[in-house]
Amino acid sequence: MKYVFLICDDESASPSMEEIAADPAHQAYDAELGRRGARLGGARLRPVANATTVRVREGETLVSDGPFAETKDFVGGIDIVECADLDEAIALAARHPYAGWGCVEVRPVWE
């Protein structure tokens, strides 16, 4: 089954791409995904200042700058993985370094 991990953290504390690439915890996580053959895709997202929210209400398209989240945490990236079941997905998400200070939301993908 496919799952998306929404990688969430406080944007003001988010490390740079260079710091992530050099971080042993991130290297170990990437190696684990590779070993399992679980990674189907993923990406780091640009800051929330670059976000645009689109809503349609009564046939009118409303466009707003920003995500307008009610939290300091933001979705900073996604991992798309293949796991046997939710238990395996949770175990893999728990290995993500951001789970230690932010959070990783696990969502099954409609197939």
N, C-alpha and C. Protein backbone atom coordinates (compact mmCIF):
# COMPACT_ATOMS: atom_id res chain seq x y z
N MET A 1 0.84 -1.17 0.00
CA MET A 1 0.00 0.00 0.00
C MET A 1 0.89 1.24 0.00
N LYS A 2 0.44 2.27 -0.70
CA LYS A 2 1.20 3.52 -0.75
C LYS A 2 0.76 4.45 0.37
N TYR A 3 1.74 5.15 0.93
CA TYR A 3 1.51 6.14 1.97
C TYR A 3 2.27 7.40 1.63
N VAL A 4 1.74 8.54 2.06
CA VAL A 4 2.44 9.81 1.98
C VAL A 4 2.78 10.22 3.40
N PHE A 5 4.03 10.57 3.62
CA PHE A 5 4.46 11.13 4.89
C PHE A 5 4.52 12.64 4.71
N LEU A 6 3.72 13.38 5.47
CA LEU A 6 3.78 14.83 5.46
C LEU A 6 4.76 15.24 6.55
N ILE A 7 5.88 15.78 6.14
CA ILE A 7 6.96 16.11 7.07
C ILE A 7 6.71 17.52 7.59
N CYS A 8 6.41 17.63 8.89
CA CYS A 8 6.01 18.91 9.48
C CYS A 8 7.01 19.37 10.53
N ASP A 9 7.23 20.68 10.57
CA ASP A 9 8.14 21.25 11.54
C ASP A 9 7.87 22.75 11.62
N ASP A 10 8.49 23.39 12.57
CA ASP A 10 8.43 24.84 12.71
C ASP A 10 9.39 25.42 11.68
N GLU A 11 8.88 26.19 10.74
CA GLU A 11 9.69 26.70 9.64
C GLU A 11 10.91 27.48 10.11
N SER A 12 10.78 28.20 11.21
CA SER A 12 11.90 29.02 11.70
C SER A 12 13.06 28.17 12.19
N ALA A 13 12.83 26.90 12.47
CA ALA A 13 13.88 26.01 12.97
C ALA A 13 14.34 25.01 11.92
N SER A 14 13.84 25.12 10.71
CA SER A 14 14.13 24.14 9.66
C SER A 14 15.57 24.26 9.17
N PRO A 15 16.29 23.14 9.08
CA PRO A 15 17.68 23.19 8.61
C PRO A 15 17.74 23.44 7.10
N SER A 16 18.91 23.87 6.64
CA SER A 16 19.13 24.10 5.21
C SER A 16 19.29 22.76 4.49
N MET A 17 19.22 22.80 3.18
CA MET A 17 19.41 21.58 2.38
C MET A 17 20.81 21.01 2.62
N GLU A 18 21.80 21.87 2.78
CA GLU A 18 23.17 21.42 3.04
C GLU A 18 23.27 20.71 4.40
N GLU A 19 22.60 21.28 5.40
CA GLU A 19 22.60 20.65 6.73
C GLU A 19 21.91 19.30 6.70
N ILE A 20 20.81 19.20 5.97
CA ILE A 20 20.10 17.93 5.86
C ILE A 20 20.98 16.90 5.17
N ALA A 21 21.63 17.28 4.08
CA ALA A 21 22.48 16.36 3.32
C ALA A 21 23.64 15.84 4.16
N ALA A 22 24.15 16.67 5.08
CA ALA A 22 25.29 16.29 5.91
C ALA A 22 24.89 15.59 7.21
N ASP A 23 23.61 15.57 7.53
CA ASP A 23 23.13 15.04 8.81
C ASP A 23 23.14 13.51 8.79
N PRO A 24 23.86 12.87 9.70
CA PRO A 24 23.89 11.40 9.75
C PRO A 24 22.50 10.77 9.93
N ALA A 25 21.61 11.44 10.68
CA ALA A 25 20.27 10.88 10.88
C ALA A 25 19.50 10.85 9.56
N HIS A 26 19.61 11.90 8.77
CA HIS A 26 18.94 11.92 7.47
C HIS A 26 19.58 10.90 6.52
N GLN A 27 20.89 10.78 6.57
CA GLN A 27 21.57 9.79 5.73
C GLN A 27 21.12 8.38 6.08
N ALA A 28 20.98 8.10 7.36
CA ALA A 28 20.53 6.77 7.81
C ALA A 28 19.08 6.52 7.38
N TYR A 29 18.24 7.53 7.48
CA TYR A 29 16.83 7.40 7.06
C TYR A 29 16.77 7.11 5.56
N ASP A 30 17.49 7.87 4.77
CA ASP A 30 17.51 7.66 3.32
C ASP A 30 18.04 6.27 2.98
N ALA A 31 19.05 5.82 3.70
CA ALA A 31 19.60 4.48 3.47
C ALA A 31 18.57 3.41 3.81
N GLU A 32 17.80 3.61 4.88
CA GLU A 32 16.76 2.65 5.27
C GLU A 32 15.68 2.56 4.19
N LEU A 33 15.25 3.71 3.68
CA LEU A 33 14.26 3.69 2.60
C LEU A 33 14.81 2.95 1.38
N GLY A 34 16.07 3.18 1.06
CA GLY A 34 16.70 2.50 -0.06
C GLY A 34 16.80 1.00 0.16
N ARG A 35 17.21 0.61 1.37
CA ARG A 35 17.35 -0.81 1.68
C ARG A 35 16.03 -1.53 1.54
N ARG A 36 14.95 -0.89 1.98
CA ARG A 36 13.62 -1.51 1.90
C ARG A 36 13.00 -1.40 0.51
N GLY A 37 13.58 -0.55 -0.35
CA GLY A 37 12.98 -0.30 -1.65
C GLY A 37 11.64 0.40 -1.51
N ALA A 38 11.49 1.20 -0.45
CA ALA A 38 10.20 1.79 -0.11
C ALA A 38 9.96 3.15 -0.75
N ARG A 39 11.03 3.88 -1.08
CA ARG A 39 10.84 5.26 -1.57
C ARG A 39 10.28 5.24 -2.99
N LEU A 40 9.11 5.85 -3.15
CA LEU A 40 8.50 6.00 -4.46
C LEU A 40 8.66 7.42 -4.98
N GLY A 41 8.90 8.35 -4.10
CA GLY A 41 9.08 9.75 -4.48
C GLY A 41 9.12 10.61 -3.25
N GLY A 42 9.33 11.87 -3.46
CA GLY A 42 9.36 12.80 -2.35
C GLY A 42 9.94 14.12 -2.79
N ALA A 43 9.76 15.14 -1.98
CA ALA A 43 10.29 16.46 -2.29
C ALA A 43 10.24 17.33 -1.05
N ARG A 44 11.19 18.25 -0.99
CA ARG A 44 11.14 19.28 0.03
C ARG A 44 10.36 20.44 -0.56
N LEU A 45 9.52 21.06 0.22
CA LEU A 45 8.69 22.16 -0.26
C LEU A 45 9.34 23.51 0.07
N ARG A 46 9.04 24.49 -0.72
CA ARG A 46 9.52 25.85 -0.45
C ARG A 46 8.78 26.40 0.77
N PRO A 47 9.29 27.49 1.37
CA PRO A 47 8.67 28.04 2.59
C PRO A 47 7.21 28.44 2.39
N VAL A 48 6.48 28.53 3.50
CA VAL A 48 5.06 28.87 3.44
C VAL A 48 4.83 30.25 2.85
N ALA A 49 5.82 31.12 2.88
CA ALA A 49 5.68 32.44 2.27
C ALA A 49 5.43 32.32 0.77
N ASN A 50 5.81 31.19 0.16
CA ASN A 50 5.60 30.96 -1.26
C ASN A 50 4.30 30.21 -1.55
N ALA A 51 3.53 29.91 -0.52
CA ALA A 51 2.31 29.12 -0.71
C ALA A 51 1.16 29.98 -1.23
N THR A 52 0.28 29.35 -1.96
CA THR A 52 -0.96 29.97 -2.43
C THR A 52 -2.09 29.00 -2.12
N THR A 53 -3.16 29.50 -1.54
CA THR A 53 -4.31 28.68 -1.21
C THR A 53 -5.45 29.01 -2.17
N VAL A 54 -6.04 27.97 -2.75
CA VAL A 54 -7.14 28.14 -3.71
C VAL A 54 -8.39 27.51 -3.13
N ARG A 55 -9.48 28.26 -3.12
CA ARG A 55 -10.78 27.76 -2.69
C ARG A 55 -11.81 28.18 -3.74
N VAL A 56 -12.82 27.38 -3.92
CA VAL A 56 -13.94 27.75 -4.79
C VAL A 56 -15.19 27.77 -3.92
N ARG A 57 -15.85 28.92 -3.88
CA ARG A 57 -17.06 29.10 -3.08
C ARG A 57 -18.14 29.70 -3.98
N GLU A 58 -19.25 28.97 -4.08
CA GLU A 58 -20.38 29.42 -4.89
C GLU A 58 -19.93 29.80 -6.30
N GLY A 59 -19.05 28.99 -6.87
CA GLY A 59 -18.59 29.19 -8.24
C GLY A 59 -17.49 30.22 -8.41
N GLU A 60 -17.09 30.89 -7.34
CA GLU A 60 -16.04 31.91 -7.41
C GLU A 60 -14.73 31.33 -6.89
N THR A 61 -13.67 31.52 -7.67
CA THR A 61 -12.34 31.08 -7.26
C THR A 61 -11.71 32.15 -6.39
N LEU A 62 -11.33 31.76 -5.17
CA LEU A 62 -10.70 32.67 -4.21
C LEU A 62 -9.24 32.25 -4.05
N VAL A 63 -8.33 33.15 -4.28
CA VAL A 63 -6.90 32.86 -4.20
C VAL A 63 -6.31 33.71 -3.09
N SER A 64 -5.59 33.08 -2.16
CA SER A 64 -4.98 33.78 -1.03
C SER A 64 -3.51 33.41 -0.95
N ASP A 65 -2.68 34.36 -0.55
CA ASP A 65 -1.28 34.06 -0.29
C ASP A 65 -1.18 33.32 1.03
N GLY A 66 -0.34 32.29 1.06
CA GLY A 66 -0.09 31.58 2.30
C GLY A 66 -1.06 30.44 2.55
N PRO A 67 -0.68 29.55 3.46
CA PRO A 67 -1.53 28.40 3.78
C PRO A 67 -2.57 28.67 4.84
N PHE A 68 -2.40 29.71 5.65
CA PHE A 68 -3.32 30.05 6.73
C PHE A 68 -3.56 28.87 7.66
N ALA A 69 -2.51 28.19 8.03
CA ALA A 69 -2.60 27.09 8.99
C ALA A 69 -2.78 27.66 10.39
N GLU A 70 -3.46 26.91 11.24
CA GLU A 70 -3.69 27.33 12.62
C GLU A 70 -2.63 26.76 13.55
N THR A 71 -1.42 26.66 13.08
CA THR A 71 -0.35 26.05 13.86
C THR A 71 0.99 26.62 13.45
N LYS A 72 1.99 26.50 14.30
CA LYS A 72 3.33 26.94 13.91
C LYS A 72 4.01 25.89 13.03
N ASP A 73 3.52 24.65 13.08
CA ASP A 73 4.08 23.61 12.23
C ASP A 73 3.60 23.81 10.80
N PHE A 74 4.45 23.46 9.86
CA PHE A 74 4.09 23.55 8.47
C PHE A 74 4.53 22.28 7.77
N VAL A 75 3.93 21.98 6.64
CA VAL A 75 4.35 20.84 5.85
C VAL A 75 5.54 21.30 5.02
N GLY A 76 6.70 20.76 5.33
CA GLY A 76 7.93 21.17 4.67
C GLY A 76 8.38 20.23 3.58
N GLY A 77 7.76 19.06 3.51
CA GLY A 77 8.13 18.10 2.48
C GLY A 77 7.26 16.88 2.57
N ILE A 78 7.43 16.01 1.58
CA ILE A 78 6.67 14.77 1.54
C ILE A 78 7.58 13.62 1.15
N ASP A 79 7.29 12.47 1.64
CA ASP A 79 7.87 11.22 1.18
C ASP A 79 6.71 10.34 0.74
N ILE A 80 6.85 9.71 -0.40
CA ILE A 80 5.85 8.74 -0.87
C ILE A 80 6.51 7.38 -0.78
N VAL A 81 5.89 6.48 -0.02
CA VAL A 81 6.52 5.18 0.26
C VAL A 81 5.54 4.05 0.00
N GLU A 82 6.09 2.87 -0.19
CA GLU A 82 5.32 1.65 -0.34
C GLU A 82 5.59 0.80 0.89
N CYS A 83 4.55 0.44 1.61
CA CYS A 83 4.67 -0.37 2.82
C CYS A 83 3.62 -1.47 2.79
N ALA A 84 3.87 -2.54 3.52
CA ALA A 84 2.94 -3.65 3.56
C ALA A 84 1.63 -3.27 4.24
N ASP A 85 1.73 -2.41 5.27
CA ASP A 85 0.54 -2.03 6.04
C ASP A 85 0.84 -0.78 6.85
N LEU A 86 -0.16 -0.31 7.58
CA LEU A 86 0.00 0.90 8.38
C LEU A 86 1.07 0.74 9.45
N ASP A 87 1.17 -0.43 10.05
CA ASP A 87 2.19 -0.64 11.08
C ASP A 87 3.60 -0.42 10.53
N GLU A 88 3.85 -0.93 9.33
CA GLU A 88 5.17 -0.72 8.71
C GLU A 88 5.38 0.75 8.38
N ALA A 89 4.34 1.42 7.89
CA ALA A 89 4.44 2.84 7.57
C ALA A 89 4.75 3.66 8.82
N ILE A 90 4.10 3.34 9.92
CA ILE A 90 4.34 4.05 11.18
C ILE A 90 5.77 3.82 11.65
N ALA A 91 6.24 2.59 11.56
CA ALA A 91 7.61 2.28 11.97
C ALA A 91 8.61 3.06 11.13
N LEU A 92 8.37 3.17 9.84
CA LEU A 92 9.26 3.90 8.95
C LEU A 92 9.19 5.40 9.23
N ALA A 93 7.99 5.93 9.44
CA ALA A 93 7.83 7.35 9.75
C ALA A 93 8.53 7.70 11.07
N ALA A 94 8.52 6.79 12.02
CA ALA A 94 9.17 7.03 13.31
C ALA A 94 10.68 7.15 13.16
N ARG A 95 11.23 6.61 12.08
CA ARG A 95 12.67 6.71 11.83
C ARG A 95 13.06 8.03 11.19
N HIS A 96 12.08 8.78 10.67
CA HIS A 96 12.40 10.06 10.03
C HIS A 96 12.93 11.02 11.09
N PRO A 97 14.04 11.70 10.82
CA PRO A 97 14.61 12.60 11.82
C PRO A 97 13.63 13.67 12.32
N TYR A 98 12.76 14.18 11.48
CA TYR A 98 11.83 15.22 11.90
C TYR A 98 10.82 14.70 12.92
N ALA A 99 10.59 13.41 12.99
CA ALA A 99 9.68 12.87 13.99
C ALA A 99 10.18 13.15 15.40
N GLY A 100 11.48 13.41 15.54
CA GLY A 100 12.09 13.68 16.84
C GLY A 100 11.83 15.07 17.37
N TRP A 101 11.49 16.04 16.51
CA TRP A 101 11.22 17.39 17.00
C TRP A 101 10.00 18.03 16.34
N GLY A 102 9.61 17.56 15.18
CA GLY A 102 8.40 18.04 14.50
C GLY A 102 7.39 16.91 14.54
N CYS A 103 6.86 16.57 13.37
CA CYS A 103 6.00 15.40 13.29
C CYS A 103 5.97 14.90 11.85
N VAL A 104 5.56 13.67 11.70
CA VAL A 104 5.37 13.06 10.38
C VAL A 104 3.95 12.52 10.36
N GLU A 105 3.11 13.12 9.55
CA GLU A 105 1.74 12.65 9.40
C GLU A 105 1.73 11.58 8.32
N VAL A 106 1.13 10.44 8.63
CA VAL A 106 1.08 9.31 7.71
C VAL A 106 -0.32 9.24 7.12
N ARG A 107 -0.40 9.27 5.78
CA ARG A 107 -1.69 9.19 5.12
C ARG A 107 -1.66 8.11 4.04
N PRO A 108 -2.63 7.19 4.05
CA PRO A 108 -2.72 6.23 2.96
C PRO A 108 -3.15 6.94 1.68
N VAL A 109 -2.70 6.41 0.55
CA VAL A 109 -3.02 6.98 -0.76
C VAL A 109 -4.15 6.18 -1.37
N TRP A 110 -5.15 6.85 -1.94
CA TRP A 110 -6.19 6.16 -2.67
C TRP A 110 -5.56 5.53 -3.90
N GLU A 111 -5.89 4.28 -4.15
CA GLU A 111 -5.34 3.61 -5.34
C GLU A 111 -6.45 3.20 -6.26
